[in-house]
Amino acid sequence: MTHRTRHRIVTVTLAPVAALAAWAAMRLAGADLAARAGGTVGPADVVAAALVGGLGAWYVVRTLEQASRRPAFWWPIVGSTVLGASLIGPSYLADGVDALALGGLHVVTAMVLIWGLERTLPSGHACSCDRASESRA
C-alpha cells in the first residue's frame, strides 16, 4: 500500500470522526438537529453520511488524477462546489439553529476531505518553461 493510499484512508476515516465530534459538541450546546420531517439526526446518520461523502470524494480525486494534468488545482474547486450544493439540504430540511448546525456538519466534513485529499495530489505546477530552465543548468 502506498503512502498516498494510506493518507487517503486516514482522511476518509477522519471525516466521520470530525463530524461526530462536531455533532457531539452541537448536541452539548443544545442543538436538537431535527429536520422538518420529524426526524432527528443521530450519530449513526452523521458517521454514515460522512463516510459516504468521503468515499465519494476519494472517487472524484481518483477521477481527477486520471482526467487532469492539474488535479490539485481542480480538487478544491470541485470539492467546495459539492459542499455548496450539499448545504441546500440542511437549509431546506431544517429551521433556525438546527439548519445552521446541520450545515456546520457539512462544512466540518468537507474541510477534512478537501484539505486531506488535496495533500495527496501532485501539484502539477511544473510547466515546460521550468523543465527547460532545469535542463540548461
N, C-alpha and C. Protein backbone atom coordinates (compact mmCIF):
# COMPACT_ATOMS: atom_id res chain seq x y z
N MET A 1 0.85 -1.18 0.00
CA MET A 1 0.00 0.00 0.00
C MET A 1 0.90 1.25 0.00
N THR A 2 0.57 2.17 -0.87
CA THR A 2 1.39 3.38 -1.00
C THR A 2 1.08 4.37 0.12
N HIS A 3 2.00 5.31 0.29
CA HIS A 3 1.80 6.39 1.26
C HIS A 3 0.55 7.18 0.91
N ARG A 4 0.33 7.42 -0.37
CA ARG A 4 -0.84 8.18 -0.84
C ARG A 4 -2.13 7.47 -0.44
N THR A 5 -2.18 6.16 -0.65
CA THR A 5 -3.38 5.39 -0.31
C THR A 5 -3.62 5.40 1.20
N ARG A 6 -2.55 5.22 1.98
CA ARG A 6 -2.70 5.27 3.44
C ARG A 6 -3.23 6.63 3.90
N HIS A 7 -2.69 7.70 3.31
CA HIS A 7 -3.14 9.04 3.69
C HIS A 7 -4.61 9.25 3.32
N ARG A 8 -5.03 8.70 2.21
CA ARG A 8 -6.44 8.83 1.80
C ARG A 8 -7.35 8.03 2.71
N ILE A 9 -6.91 6.86 3.13
CA ILE A 9 -7.70 6.06 4.07
C ILE A 9 -7.84 6.81 5.39
N VAL A 10 -6.75 7.39 5.87
CA VAL A 10 -6.81 8.17 7.11
C VAL A 10 -7.75 9.36 6.96
N THR A 11 -7.68 10.04 5.84
CA THR A 11 -8.54 11.21 5.62
C THR A 11 -10.01 10.81 5.59
N VAL A 12 -10.33 9.74 4.86
CA VAL A 12 -11.72 9.30 4.77
C VAL A 12 -12.21 8.78 6.12
N THR A 13 -11.32 8.28 6.96
CA THR A 13 -11.68 7.84 8.30
C THR A 13 -11.83 9.02 9.25
N LEU A 14 -11.00 10.03 9.10
CA LEU A 14 -11.07 11.20 9.98
C LEU A 14 -12.30 12.06 9.74
N ALA A 15 -12.82 12.06 8.52
CA ALA A 15 -14.00 12.88 8.22
C ALA A 15 -15.19 12.49 9.11
N PRO A 16 -15.56 11.22 9.23
CA PRO A 16 -16.66 10.87 10.14
C PRO A 16 -16.32 11.14 11.60
N VAL A 17 -15.06 10.97 11.98
CA VAL A 17 -14.66 11.25 13.36
C VAL A 17 -14.83 12.73 13.67
N ALA A 18 -14.39 13.59 12.76
CA ALA A 18 -14.53 15.04 12.97
C ALA A 18 -16.00 15.44 12.97
N ALA A 19 -16.78 14.86 12.07
CA ALA A 19 -18.21 15.18 12.02
C ALA A 19 -18.91 14.72 13.30
N LEU A 20 -18.54 13.55 13.80
CA LEU A 20 -19.14 13.05 15.04
C LEU A 20 -18.76 13.93 16.23
N ALA A 21 -17.52 14.38 16.27
CA ALA A 21 -17.11 15.29 17.35
C ALA A 21 -17.88 16.61 17.27
N ALA A 22 -18.06 17.12 16.06
CA ALA A 22 -18.84 18.35 15.88
C ALA A 22 -20.30 18.12 16.28
N TRP A 23 -20.85 16.96 15.91
CA TRP A 23 -22.22 16.62 16.27
C TRP A 23 -22.37 16.60 17.80
N ALA A 24 -21.42 15.97 18.49
CA ALA A 24 -21.48 15.89 19.95
C ALA A 24 -21.40 17.28 20.57
N ALA A 25 -20.52 18.12 20.06
CA ALA A 25 -20.39 19.48 20.58
C ALA A 25 -21.68 20.27 20.37
N MET A 26 -22.31 20.08 19.21
CA MET A 26 -23.56 20.79 18.93
C MET A 26 -24.69 20.30 19.83
N ARG A 27 -24.72 19.00 20.08
CA ARG A 27 -25.74 18.45 20.99
C ARG A 27 -25.53 18.98 22.40
N LEU A 28 -24.26 19.04 22.83
CA LEU A 28 -23.97 19.58 24.16
C LEU A 28 -24.34 21.06 24.27
N ALA A 29 -24.24 21.76 23.15
CA ALA A 29 -24.58 23.18 23.13
C ALA A 29 -26.09 23.39 23.08
N GLY A 30 -26.86 22.32 22.88
CA GLY A 30 -28.31 22.41 22.92
C GLY A 30 -29.02 22.33 21.59
N ALA A 31 -28.31 22.11 20.50
CA ALA A 31 -28.97 21.97 19.20
C ALA A 31 -29.64 20.60 19.12
N ASP A 32 -30.88 20.59 18.64
CA ASP A 32 -31.62 19.33 18.53
C ASP A 32 -31.26 18.55 17.27
N LEU A 33 -30.82 19.25 16.24
CA LEU A 33 -30.51 18.66 14.94
C LEU A 33 -31.72 17.90 14.39
N ALA A 34 -32.86 18.58 14.46
CA ALA A 34 -34.11 17.99 13.99
C ALA A 34 -34.47 18.54 12.62
N ALA A 35 -34.93 17.66 11.76
CA ALA A 35 -35.39 18.05 10.42
C ALA A 35 -36.90 18.32 10.47
N ARG A 36 -37.38 19.05 9.47
CA ARG A 36 -38.82 19.37 9.41
C ARG A 36 -39.68 18.12 9.30
N ALA A 37 -39.16 17.09 8.71
CA ALA A 37 -39.94 15.86 8.52
C ALA A 37 -40.15 15.12 9.84
N GLY A 38 -39.57 15.61 10.92
CA GLY A 38 -39.78 14.99 12.22
C GLY A 38 -38.64 14.11 12.69
N GLY A 39 -37.65 13.87 11.84
CA GLY A 39 -36.53 13.03 12.23
C GLY A 39 -35.43 13.84 12.90
N THR A 40 -34.68 13.19 13.72
CA THR A 40 -33.53 13.80 14.37
C THR A 40 -32.27 13.13 13.84
N VAL A 41 -31.27 13.92 13.57
CA VAL A 41 -30.00 13.38 13.06
C VAL A 41 -29.21 12.82 14.23
N GLY A 42 -28.95 11.52 14.19
CA GLY A 42 -28.22 10.86 15.26
C GLY A 42 -26.78 10.56 14.86
N PRO A 43 -26.03 9.98 15.77
CA PRO A 43 -24.61 9.71 15.50
C PRO A 43 -24.40 8.75 14.33
N ALA A 44 -25.26 7.75 14.19
CA ALA A 44 -25.10 6.80 13.08
C ALA A 44 -25.34 7.51 11.74
N ASP A 45 -26.29 8.44 11.72
CA ASP A 45 -26.54 9.21 10.50
C ASP A 45 -25.33 10.05 10.12
N VAL A 46 -24.73 10.66 11.11
CA VAL A 46 -23.55 11.51 10.88
C VAL A 46 -22.39 10.69 10.33
N VAL A 47 -22.10 9.57 10.97
CA VAL A 47 -20.99 8.72 10.54
C VAL A 47 -21.25 8.18 9.13
N ALA A 48 -22.46 7.70 8.88
CA ALA A 48 -22.78 7.13 7.57
C ALA A 48 -22.66 8.19 6.47
N ALA A 49 -23.22 9.37 6.70
CA ALA A 49 -23.17 10.43 5.69
C ALA A 49 -21.74 10.88 5.42
N ALA A 50 -20.95 11.04 6.47
CA ALA A 50 -19.56 11.48 6.29
C ALA A 50 -18.72 10.40 5.59
N LEU A 51 -19.00 9.15 5.89
CA LEU A 51 -18.27 8.05 5.25
C LEU A 51 -18.63 7.96 3.76
N VAL A 52 -19.90 8.08 3.45
CA VAL A 52 -20.31 8.06 2.05
C VAL A 52 -19.71 9.25 1.31
N GLY A 53 -19.75 10.42 1.95
CA GLY A 53 -19.14 11.60 1.34
C GLY A 53 -17.64 11.43 1.13
N GLY A 54 -16.97 10.82 2.10
CA GLY A 54 -15.53 10.59 1.99
C GLY A 54 -15.18 9.63 0.87
N LEU A 55 -15.93 8.57 0.75
CA LEU A 55 -15.67 7.61 -0.33
C LEU A 55 -15.97 8.23 -1.69
N GLY A 56 -17.02 9.03 -1.75
CA GLY A 56 -17.32 9.74 -2.99
C GLY A 56 -16.23 10.73 -3.35
N ALA A 57 -15.72 11.43 -2.34
CA ALA A 57 -14.64 12.38 -2.58
C ALA A 57 -13.39 11.67 -3.09
N TRP A 58 -13.08 10.53 -2.52
CA TRP A 58 -11.92 9.75 -2.96
C TRP A 58 -12.09 9.36 -4.42
N TYR A 59 -13.29 8.94 -4.79
CA TYR A 59 -13.56 8.57 -6.18
C TYR A 59 -13.34 9.77 -7.12
N VAL A 60 -13.82 10.93 -6.70
CA VAL A 60 -13.65 12.14 -7.53
C VAL A 60 -12.17 12.50 -7.65
N VAL A 61 -11.43 12.39 -6.57
CA VAL A 61 -9.99 12.69 -6.61
C VAL A 61 -9.28 11.74 -7.57
N ARG A 62 -9.62 10.46 -7.52
CA ARG A 62 -9.00 9.49 -8.44
C ARG A 62 -9.36 9.82 -9.89
N THR A 63 -10.60 10.21 -10.12
CA THR A 63 -11.03 10.57 -11.47
C THR A 63 -10.28 11.81 -11.94
N LEU A 64 -10.11 12.79 -11.08
CA LEU A 64 -9.36 13.99 -11.45
C LEU A 64 -7.90 13.66 -11.76
N GLU A 65 -7.32 12.74 -11.01
CA GLU A 65 -5.94 12.32 -11.27
C GLU A 65 -5.79 11.74 -12.67
N GLN A 66 -6.79 11.00 -13.10
CA GLN A 66 -6.73 10.36 -14.40
C GLN A 66 -7.11 11.30 -15.53
N ALA A 67 -7.95 12.28 -15.26
CA ALA A 67 -8.50 13.12 -16.32
C ALA A 67 -7.82 14.48 -16.45
N SER A 68 -7.02 14.86 -15.47
CA SER A 68 -6.45 16.21 -15.48
C SER A 68 -4.95 16.16 -15.24
N ARG A 69 -4.26 17.10 -15.84
CA ARG A 69 -2.84 17.23 -15.55
C ARG A 69 -2.60 18.03 -14.27
N ARG A 70 -3.64 18.71 -13.78
CA ARG A 70 -3.52 19.53 -12.58
C ARG A 70 -4.64 19.20 -11.58
N PRO A 71 -4.67 17.97 -11.08
CA PRO A 71 -5.77 17.61 -10.16
C PRO A 71 -5.76 18.41 -8.87
N ALA A 72 -4.58 18.83 -8.39
CA ALA A 72 -4.51 19.62 -7.16
C ALA A 72 -5.13 21.01 -7.35
N PHE A 73 -5.15 21.49 -8.56
CA PHE A 73 -5.81 22.76 -8.86
C PHE A 73 -7.33 22.57 -8.86
N TRP A 74 -7.80 21.50 -9.49
CA TRP A 74 -9.23 21.29 -9.67
C TRP A 74 -9.93 20.75 -8.43
N TRP A 75 -9.27 19.95 -7.61
CA TRP A 75 -9.94 19.31 -6.48
C TRP A 75 -10.58 20.31 -5.52
N PRO A 76 -9.91 21.36 -5.06
CA PRO A 76 -10.59 22.29 -4.14
C PRO A 76 -11.80 22.98 -4.79
N ILE A 77 -11.72 23.22 -6.08
CA ILE A 77 -12.85 23.84 -6.78
C ILE A 77 -14.04 22.89 -6.81
N VAL A 78 -13.78 21.64 -7.19
CA VAL A 78 -14.85 20.65 -7.24
C VAL A 78 -15.39 20.37 -5.83
N GLY A 79 -14.49 20.19 -4.87
CA GLY A 79 -14.91 19.90 -3.50
C GLY A 79 -15.74 21.01 -2.89
N SER A 80 -15.35 22.26 -3.07
CA SER A 80 -16.12 23.36 -2.50
C SER A 80 -17.44 23.55 -3.23
N THR A 81 -17.50 23.23 -4.51
CA THR A 81 -18.76 23.30 -5.24
C THR A 81 -19.73 22.25 -4.72
N VAL A 82 -19.23 21.05 -4.47
CA VAL A 82 -20.08 19.99 -3.90
C VAL A 82 -20.53 20.38 -2.50
N LEU A 83 -19.66 21.00 -1.72
CA LEU A 83 -20.05 21.48 -0.39
C LEU A 83 -21.21 22.47 -0.53
N GLY A 84 -21.09 23.42 -1.44
CA GLY A 84 -22.16 24.39 -1.63
C GLY A 84 -23.48 23.72 -1.97
N ALA A 85 -23.42 22.73 -2.85
CA ALA A 85 -24.64 22.01 -3.21
C ALA A 85 -25.18 21.22 -2.02
N SER A 86 -24.30 20.65 -1.21
CA SER A 86 -24.77 19.84 -0.08
C SER A 86 -25.43 20.70 1.00
N LEU A 87 -25.10 21.98 1.05
CA LEU A 87 -25.70 22.86 2.05
C LEU A 87 -27.17 23.17 1.75
N ILE A 88 -27.62 22.85 0.56
CA ILE A 88 -29.03 23.05 0.23
C ILE A 88 -29.91 22.16 1.12
N GLY A 89 -29.46 20.95 1.38
CA GLY A 89 -30.24 20.02 2.20
C GLY A 89 -30.58 20.56 3.56
N PRO A 90 -29.59 20.94 4.38
CA PRO A 90 -29.92 21.47 5.71
C PRO A 90 -30.75 22.75 5.65
N SER A 91 -30.50 23.60 4.67
CA SER A 91 -31.26 24.84 4.61
C SER A 91 -32.71 24.59 4.21
N TYR A 92 -32.95 23.51 3.51
CA TYR A 92 -34.30 23.18 3.07
C TYR A 92 -35.03 22.30 4.08
N LEU A 93 -34.30 21.43 4.75
CA LEU A 93 -34.94 20.43 5.61
C LEU A 93 -35.01 20.79 7.09
N ALA A 94 -34.39 21.88 7.49
CA ALA A 94 -34.40 22.24 8.91
C ALA A 94 -34.59 23.74 9.06
N ASP A 95 -34.89 24.16 10.27
CA ASP A 95 -35.12 25.58 10.57
C ASP A 95 -34.12 26.09 11.60
N GLY A 96 -33.81 27.37 11.51
CA GLY A 96 -33.06 28.07 12.54
C GLY A 96 -31.73 27.46 12.90
N VAL A 97 -31.57 27.26 14.21
CA VAL A 97 -30.31 26.76 14.75
C VAL A 97 -30.00 25.37 14.22
N ASP A 98 -31.03 24.56 14.05
CA ASP A 98 -30.81 23.21 13.54
C ASP A 98 -30.24 23.24 12.12
N ALA A 99 -30.74 24.14 11.29
CA ALA A 99 -30.21 24.26 9.92
C ALA A 99 -28.76 24.70 9.95
N LEU A 100 -28.43 25.65 10.83
CA LEU A 100 -27.03 26.09 10.95
C LEU A 100 -26.13 24.96 11.46
N ALA A 101 -26.62 24.22 12.44
CA ALA A 101 -25.83 23.12 12.99
C ALA A 101 -25.61 22.02 11.95
N LEU A 102 -26.67 21.67 11.23
CA LEU A 102 -26.53 20.64 10.20
C LEU A 102 -25.61 21.11 9.08
N GLY A 103 -25.71 22.37 8.71
CA GLY A 103 -24.78 22.93 7.72
C GLY A 103 -23.35 22.89 8.24
N GLY A 104 -23.19 23.14 9.52
CA GLY A 104 -21.86 23.07 10.13
C GLY A 104 -21.25 21.68 10.03
N LEU A 105 -22.08 20.65 10.16
CA LEU A 105 -21.58 19.28 10.00
C LEU A 105 -21.07 19.06 8.58
N HIS A 106 -21.78 19.61 7.62
CA HIS A 106 -21.34 19.51 6.22
C HIS A 106 -19.99 20.21 6.03
N VAL A 107 -19.86 21.39 6.62
CA VAL A 107 -18.63 22.17 6.46
C VAL A 107 -17.45 21.45 7.13
N VAL A 108 -17.65 20.93 8.33
CA VAL A 108 -16.58 20.22 9.03
C VAL A 108 -16.11 19.02 8.20
N THR A 109 -17.05 18.24 7.72
CA THR A 109 -16.71 17.06 6.92
C THR A 109 -15.97 17.47 5.65
N ALA A 110 -16.48 18.50 4.97
CA ALA A 110 -15.85 18.95 3.72
C ALA A 110 -14.46 19.50 3.96
N MET A 111 -14.25 20.22 5.06
CA MET A 111 -12.91 20.76 5.35
C MET A 111 -11.89 19.64 5.48
N VAL A 112 -12.26 18.61 6.21
CA VAL A 112 -11.34 17.47 6.39
C VAL A 112 -11.05 16.81 5.05
N LEU A 113 -12.09 16.58 4.27
CA LEU A 113 -11.92 15.88 3.00
C LEU A 113 -11.17 16.71 1.96
N ILE A 114 -11.54 17.97 1.82
CA ILE A 114 -10.88 18.80 0.81
C ILE A 114 -9.41 18.98 1.15
N TRP A 115 -9.12 19.36 2.37
CA TRP A 115 -7.73 19.59 2.76
C TRP A 115 -6.93 18.28 2.78
N GLY A 116 -7.50 17.24 3.36
CA GLY A 116 -6.77 15.98 3.48
C GLY A 116 -6.48 15.32 2.15
N LEU A 117 -7.47 15.31 1.25
CA LEU A 117 -7.25 14.67 -0.05
C LEU A 117 -6.39 15.54 -0.96
N GLU A 118 -6.46 16.85 -0.79
CA GLU A 118 -5.61 17.72 -1.61
C GLU A 118 -4.13 17.46 -1.35
N ARG A 119 -3.81 17.14 -0.12
CA ARG A 119 -2.41 16.86 0.23
C ARG A 119 -1.87 15.61 -0.43
N THR A 120 -2.74 14.77 -0.98
CA THR A 120 -2.29 13.54 -1.64
C THR A 120 -2.11 13.72 -3.14
N LEU A 121 -2.42 14.89 -3.65
CA LEU A 121 -2.37 15.11 -5.10
C LEU A 121 -1.07 15.78 -5.52
N PRO A 122 -0.57 15.43 -6.69
CA PRO A 122 0.60 16.14 -7.21
C PRO A 122 0.19 17.58 -7.56
N SER A 123 1.10 18.51 -7.35
CA SER A 123 0.76 19.92 -7.55
C SER A 123 0.51 20.25 -9.00
N GLY A 124 1.27 19.68 -9.93
CA GLY A 124 1.08 19.95 -11.34
C GLY A 124 1.49 21.34 -11.75
N HIS A 125 2.30 22.02 -10.90
CA HIS A 125 2.72 23.38 -11.22
C HIS A 125 3.91 23.44 -12.16
N ALA A 126 4.54 22.31 -12.38
CA ALA A 126 5.70 22.31 -13.27
C ALA A 126 5.23 22.53 -14.70
N CYS A 127 5.83 23.49 -15.36
CA CYS A 127 5.49 23.74 -16.76
C CYS A 127 6.73 23.52 -17.61
N SER A 128 6.56 23.54 -18.90
CA SER A 128 7.68 23.27 -19.80
C SER A 128 8.80 24.30 -19.62
N CYS A 129 8.45 25.53 -19.24
CA CYS A 129 9.49 26.55 -19.05
C CYS A 129 10.36 26.19 -17.85
N ASP A 130 9.77 25.59 -16.80
CA ASP A 130 10.57 25.18 -15.65
C ASP A 130 11.51 24.04 -16.03
N ARG A 131 11.01 23.09 -16.81
CA ARG A 131 11.85 21.97 -17.22
C ARG A 131 12.96 22.43 -18.14
N ALA A 132 12.69 23.39 -18.99
CA ALA A 132 13.72 23.89 -19.90
C ALA A 132 14.83 24.58 -19.13
N SER A 133 14.47 25.35 -18.11
CA SER A 133 15.50 26.05 -17.35
C SER A 133 16.32 25.06 -16.52
N GLU A 134 15.69 23.95 -16.07
CA GLU A 134 16.42 22.94 -15.31
C GLU A 134 17.42 22.23 -16.21
N SER A 135 17.04 21.97 -17.47
CA SER A 135 17.94 21.23 -18.35
C SER A 135 19.15 22.08 -18.74
N ARG A 136 19.00 23.41 -18.72
CA ARG A 136 20.14 24.28 -19.05
C ARG A 136 21.10 24.40 -17.89
N ALA A 137 20.65 24.16 -16.69
CA ALA A 137 21.51 24.35 -15.51
C ALA A 137 22.50 23.23 -15.34
